[in-house]
């Protein structure tokens, strides 16, 4: 899976929106499939037009490292999931709670090209991850 810096660098290299769109789809294709038993109602992200699942693993301690896996039934959304995972996975809960992935999506020029439904779904994914991280810090 691509790192966040690789994704940012690749976006900087791609000038045409169609090329960026194809790249997002490629990121989604590289995302490992989520096992069927993890495609549960509890893991489903509410507020997404397509189906999106997010699963978190939480390390030990007061400010645990959190890792995320995810999937979607839509190609472009699956690519957005891959970018969200690159932004958040492997960071401490306090970092995640303070980091708004939408800023990264704006910086690479992606939000402006998403439909309102996809942008809302993206915000739902980000909100869910940040809220879960904030709960881990508070716990």
C-alpha atoms as a PDB file:
ATOM      1  CA  UNK A   1       0.000   0.000   0.000  1.00  0.00           C
ATOM      2  CA  UNK A   2       1.238   3.497  -0.851  1.00  0.00           C
ATOM      3  CA  UNK A   3       2.415   5.852   1.881  1.00  0.00           C
ATOM      4  CA  UNK A   4       0.808   9.254   2.290  1.00  0.00           C
ATOM      5  CA  UNK A   5       3.931  10.999   0.954  1.00  0.00           C
ATOM      6  CA  UNK A   6       3.950   8.758  -2.152  1.00  0.00           C
ATOM      7  CA  UNK A   7       0.286   9.590  -2.750  1.00  0.00           C
ATOM      8  CA  UNK A   8       0.913  13.352  -2.359  1.00  0.00           C
ATOM      9  CA  UNK A   9       3.940  13.168  -4.682  1.00  0.00           C
ATOM     10  CA  UNK A  10       1.980  11.193  -7.282  1.00  0.00           C
ATOM     11  CA  UNK A  11      -0.899  13.696  -7.198  1.00  0.00           C
ATOM     12  CA  UNK A  12       1.579  16.556  -7.699  1.00  0.00           C
ATOM     13  CA  UNK A  13       2.870  14.770 -10.808  1.00  0.00           C
ATOM     14  CA  UNK A  14      -0.609  14.222 -12.318  1.00  0.00           C
ATOM     15  CA  UNK A  15      -2.010  17.333 -14.002  1.00  0.00           C
ATOM     16  CA  UNK A  16      -5.236  16.055 -15.538  1.00  0.00           C
ATOM     17  CA  UNK A  17      -8.245  15.271 -13.364  1.00  0.00           C
ATOM     18  CA  UNK A  18      -8.918  12.068 -15.351  1.00  0.00           C
ATOM     19  CA  UNK A  19      -5.402  10.835 -14.509  1.00  0.00           C
ATOM     20  CA  UNK A  20      -5.949  11.632 -10.820  1.00  0.00           C
ATOM     21  CA  UNK A  21      -9.299   9.845 -10.917  1.00  0.00           C
ATOM     22  CA  UNK A  22      -7.659   6.752 -12.439  1.00  0.00           C
ATOM     23  CA  UNK A  23      -4.921   6.930  -9.804  1.00  0.00           C
ATOM     24  CA  UNK A  24      -7.507   6.975  -6.978  1.00  0.00           C
ATOM     25  CA  UNK A  25      -9.109   3.871  -8.523  1.00  0.00           C
ATOM     26  CA  UNK A  26      -5.667   2.197  -8.709  1.00  0.00           C
ATOM     27  CA  UNK A  27      -5.096   2.962  -5.009  1.00  0.00           C
ATOM     28  CA  UNK A  28      -8.420   1.282  -4.292  1.00  0.00           C
ATOM     29  CA  UNK A  29      -7.491  -1.786  -6.330  1.00  0.00           C
ATOM     30  CA  UNK A  30      -4.259  -2.103  -4.304  1.00  0.00           C
ATOM     31  CA  UNK A  31      -6.223  -2.054  -1.038  1.00  0.00           C
ATOM     32  CA  UNK A  32      -6.463  -5.551   0.485  1.00  0.00           C
ATOM     33  CA  UNK A  33     -10.003  -6.963   0.543  1.00  0.00           C
ATOM     34  CA  UNK A  34     -11.731  -6.782   3.897  1.00  0.00           C
ATOM     35  CA  UNK A  35     -12.684 -10.273   5.105  1.00  0.00           C
ATOM     36  CA  UNK A  36     -16.411 -10.974   4.789  1.00  0.00           C
ATOM     37  CA  UNK A  37     -16.788 -11.458   8.574  1.00  0.00           C
ATOM     38  CA  UNK A  38     -15.647  -7.839   9.081  1.00  0.00           C
ATOM     39  CA  UNK A  39     -18.308  -6.436   6.744  1.00  0.00           C
ATOM     40  CA  UNK A  40     -20.716  -5.964   9.629  1.00  0.00           C
ATOM     41  CA  UNK A  41     -23.261  -3.291  10.495  1.00  0.00           C
ATOM     42  CA  UNK A  42     -20.992  -2.161  13.350  1.00  0.00           C
ATOM     43  CA  UNK A  43     -18.095  -1.591  10.935  1.00  0.00           C
ATOM     44  CA  UNK A  44     -20.230   0.120   8.298  1.00  0.00           C
ATOM     45  CA  UNK A  45     -19.762   3.886   7.983  1.00  0.00           C
ATOM     46  CA  UNK A  46     -23.059   5.747   8.136  1.00  0.00           C
ATOM     47  CA  UNK A  47     -23.503   8.702   5.793  1.00  0.00           C
ATOM     48  CA  UNK A  48     -21.848   7.155   2.755  1.00  0.00           C
ATOM     49  CA  UNK A  49     -23.877   6.660  -0.424  1.00  0.00           C
ATOM     50  CA  UNK A  50     -21.925   3.491  -1.244  1.00  0.00           C
ATOM     51  CA  UNK A  51     -21.107   0.825   1.296  1.00  0.00           C
ATOM     52  CA  UNK A  52     -17.970   1.560   3.329  1.00  0.00           C
ATOM     53  CA  UNK A  53     -16.554  -0.480   6.189  1.00  0.00           C
ATOM     54  CA  UNK A  54     -13.826   0.618   8.598  1.00  0.00           C
ATOM     55  CA  UNK A  55     -12.185  -1.639  11.167  1.00  0.00           C
ATOM     56  CA  UNK A  56      -9.798  -0.334  13.805  1.00  0.00           C
ATOM     57  CA  UNK A  57      -7.167  -2.108  15.839  1.00  0.00           C
ATOM     58  CA  UNK A  58      -6.071  -0.298  18.982  1.00  0.00           C
ATOM     59  CA  UNK A  59      -2.720  -0.737  20.697  1.00  0.00           C
ATOM     60  CA  UNK A  60      -2.084  -0.508  24.425  1.00  0.00           C
ATOM     61  CA  UNK A  61      -1.526   2.537  26.608  1.00  0.00           C
ATOM     62  CA  UNK A  62      -3.076   5.907  27.349  1.00  0.00           C
ATOM     63  CA  UNK A  63      -2.368   7.187  23.822  1.00  0.00           C
ATOM     64  CA  UNK A  64      -2.506   3.989  21.762  1.00  0.00           C
ATOM     65  CA  UNK A  65      -1.310   3.523  18.204  1.00  0.00           C
ATOM     66  CA  UNK A  66      -4.339   2.845  16.018  1.00  0.00           C
ATOM     67  CA  UNK A  67      -4.331   0.973  12.735  1.00  0.00           C
ATOM     68  CA  UNK A  68      -7.220   0.814  10.312  1.00  0.00           C
ATOM     69  CA  UNK A  69      -8.417  -1.415   7.524  1.00  0.00           C
ATOM     70  CA  UNK A  70     -11.319  -0.626   5.269  1.00  0.00           C
ATOM     71  CA  UNK A  71     -13.168  -1.398   2.089  1.00  0.00           C
ATOM     72  CA  UNK A  72     -15.960  -0.194  -0.161  1.00  0.00           C
ATOM     73  CA  UNK A  73     -18.145  -1.658  -2.865  1.00  0.00           C
ATOM     74  CA  UNK A  74     -17.434   1.337  -5.165  1.00  0.00           C
ATOM     75  CA  UNK A  75     -14.099   1.688  -7.023  1.00  0.00           C
ATOM     76  CA  UNK A  76     -13.518   5.413  -6.476  1.00  0.00           C
ATOM     77  CA  UNK A  77     -14.658   5.258  -2.844  1.00  0.00           C
ATOM     78  CA  UNK A  78     -12.334   2.321  -2.240  1.00  0.00           C
ATOM     79  CA  UNK A  79      -9.510   4.599  -3.436  1.00  0.00           C
ATOM     80  CA  UNK A  80     -10.652   7.321  -1.035  1.00  0.00           C
ATOM     81  CA  UNK A  81     -10.617   4.722   1.759  1.00  0.00           C
ATOM     82  CA  UNK A  82      -7.007   3.853   0.796  1.00  0.00           C
ATOM     83  CA  UNK A  83      -5.988   7.521   1.098  1.00  0.00           C
ATOM     84  CA  UNK A  84      -7.787   7.917   4.452  1.00  0.00           C
ATOM     85  CA  UNK A  85      -5.993   4.813   5.757  1.00  0.00           C
ATOM     86  CA  UNK A  86      -2.636   6.193   4.546  1.00  0.00           C
ATOM     87  CA  UNK A  87      -3.331   9.420   6.465  1.00  0.00           C
ATOM     88  CA  UNK A  88      -4.445   7.876   9.767  1.00  0.00           C
ATOM     89  CA  UNK A  89      -3.293   4.282  10.157  1.00  0.00           C
ATOM     90  CA  UNK A  90      -0.296   3.693  12.412  1.00  0.00           C
ATOM     91  CA  UNK A  91      -0.544   6.990  14.291  1.00  0.00           C
ATOM     92  CA  UNK A  92      -1.220   7.641  17.969  1.00  0.00           C
ATOM     93  CA  UNK A  93      -4.827   8.363  18.944  1.00  0.00           C
ATOM     94  CA  UNK A  94      -3.952  11.949  19.980  1.00  0.00           C
ATOM     95  CA  UNK A  95      -2.414  12.624  16.530  1.00  0.00           C
ATOM     96  CA  UNK A  96      -5.435  11.138  14.761  1.00  0.00           C
ATOM     97  CA  UNK A  97      -7.906  13.169  16.820  1.00  0.00           C
ATOM     98  CA  UNK A  98      -6.030  16.378  15.949  1.00  0.00           C
ATOM     99  CA  UNK A  99      -5.518  15.610  12.230  1.00  0.00           C
ATOM    100  CA  UNK A 100      -8.220  16.499   9.713  1.00  0.00           C
ATOM    101  CA  UNK A 101      -7.724  14.400   6.584  1.00  0.00           C
ATOM    102  CA  UNK A 102      -9.978  16.789   4.648  1.00  0.00           C
ATOM    103  CA  UNK A 103      -7.066  19.267   4.749  1.00  0.00           C
ATOM    104  CA  UNK A 104      -4.916  16.698   2.914  1.00  0.00           C
ATOM    105  CA  UNK A 105      -7.678  16.024   0.373  1.00  0.00           C
ATOM    106  CA  UNK A 106      -7.965  19.791  -0.212  1.00  0.00           C
ATOM    107  CA  UNK A 107      -4.179  20.131  -0.545  1.00  0.00           C
ATOM    108  CA  UNK A 108      -4.028  17.488  -3.293  1.00  0.00           C
ATOM    109  CA  UNK A 109      -7.036  19.053  -5.028  1.00  0.00           C
ATOM    110  CA  UNK A 110      -9.336  16.084  -4.647  1.00  0.00           C
ATOM    111  CA  UNK A 111     -12.307  17.397  -2.653  1.00  0.00           C
ATOM    112  CA  UNK A 112     -13.288  19.923  -5.338  1.00  0.00           C
ATOM    113  CA  UNK A 113     -13.669  17.081  -7.859  1.00  0.00           C
ATOM    114  CA  UNK A 114     -15.847  14.829  -5.694  1.00  0.00           C
ATOM    115  CA  UNK A 115     -19.608  14.765  -5.965  1.00  0.00           C
ATOM    116  CA  UNK A 116     -21.384  16.136  -2.912  1.00  0.00           C
ATOM    117  CA  UNK A 117     -22.423  12.581  -1.939  1.00  0.00           C
ATOM    118  CA  UNK A 118     -18.823  11.330  -2.114  1.00  0.00           C
ATOM    119  CA  UNK A 119     -17.517  14.385  -0.254  1.00  0.00           C
ATOM    120  CA  UNK A 120     -20.115  13.792   2.482  1.00  0.00           C
ATOM    121  CA  UNK A 121     -19.118  10.125   2.653  1.00  0.00           C
ATOM    122  CA  UNK A 122     -15.467  11.111   2.927  1.00  0.00           C
ATOM    123  CA  UNK A 123     -16.305  13.476   5.792  1.00  0.00           C
ATOM    124  CA  UNK A 124     -18.261  10.666   7.488  1.00  0.00           C
ATOM    125  CA  UNK A 125     -15.226   8.355   7.301  1.00  0.00           C
ATOM    126  CA  UNK A 126     -12.913  11.035   8.689  1.00  0.00           C
ATOM    127  CA  UNK A 127     -15.356  11.977  11.468  1.00  0.00           C
ATOM    128  CA  UNK A 128     -15.745   8.345  12.535  1.00  0.00           C
ATOM    129  CA  UNK A 129     -11.987   7.746  12.734  1.00  0.00           C
ATOM    130  CA  UNK A 130     -11.316  11.003  14.601  1.00  0.00           C
ATOM    131  CA  UNK A 131     -14.174  10.423  17.065  1.00  0.00           C
ATOM    132  CA  UNK A 132     -12.939   6.921  17.818  1.00  0.00           C
ATOM    133  CA  UNK A 133      -9.403   8.255  18.370  1.00  0.00           C
ATOM    134  CA  UNK A 134     -10.703  11.023  20.648  1.00  0.00           C
ATOM    135  CA  UNK A 135     -12.552   8.417  22.747  1.00  0.00           C
ATOM    136  CA  UNK A 136      -9.313   6.389  23.082  1.00  0.00           C
ATOM    137  CA  UNK A 137      -7.423   9.466  24.310  1.00  0.00           C
ATOM    138  CA  UNK A 138     -10.166  10.313  26.798  1.00  0.00           C
ATOM    139  CA  UNK A 139     -10.466   6.719  28.084  1.00  0.00           C
END
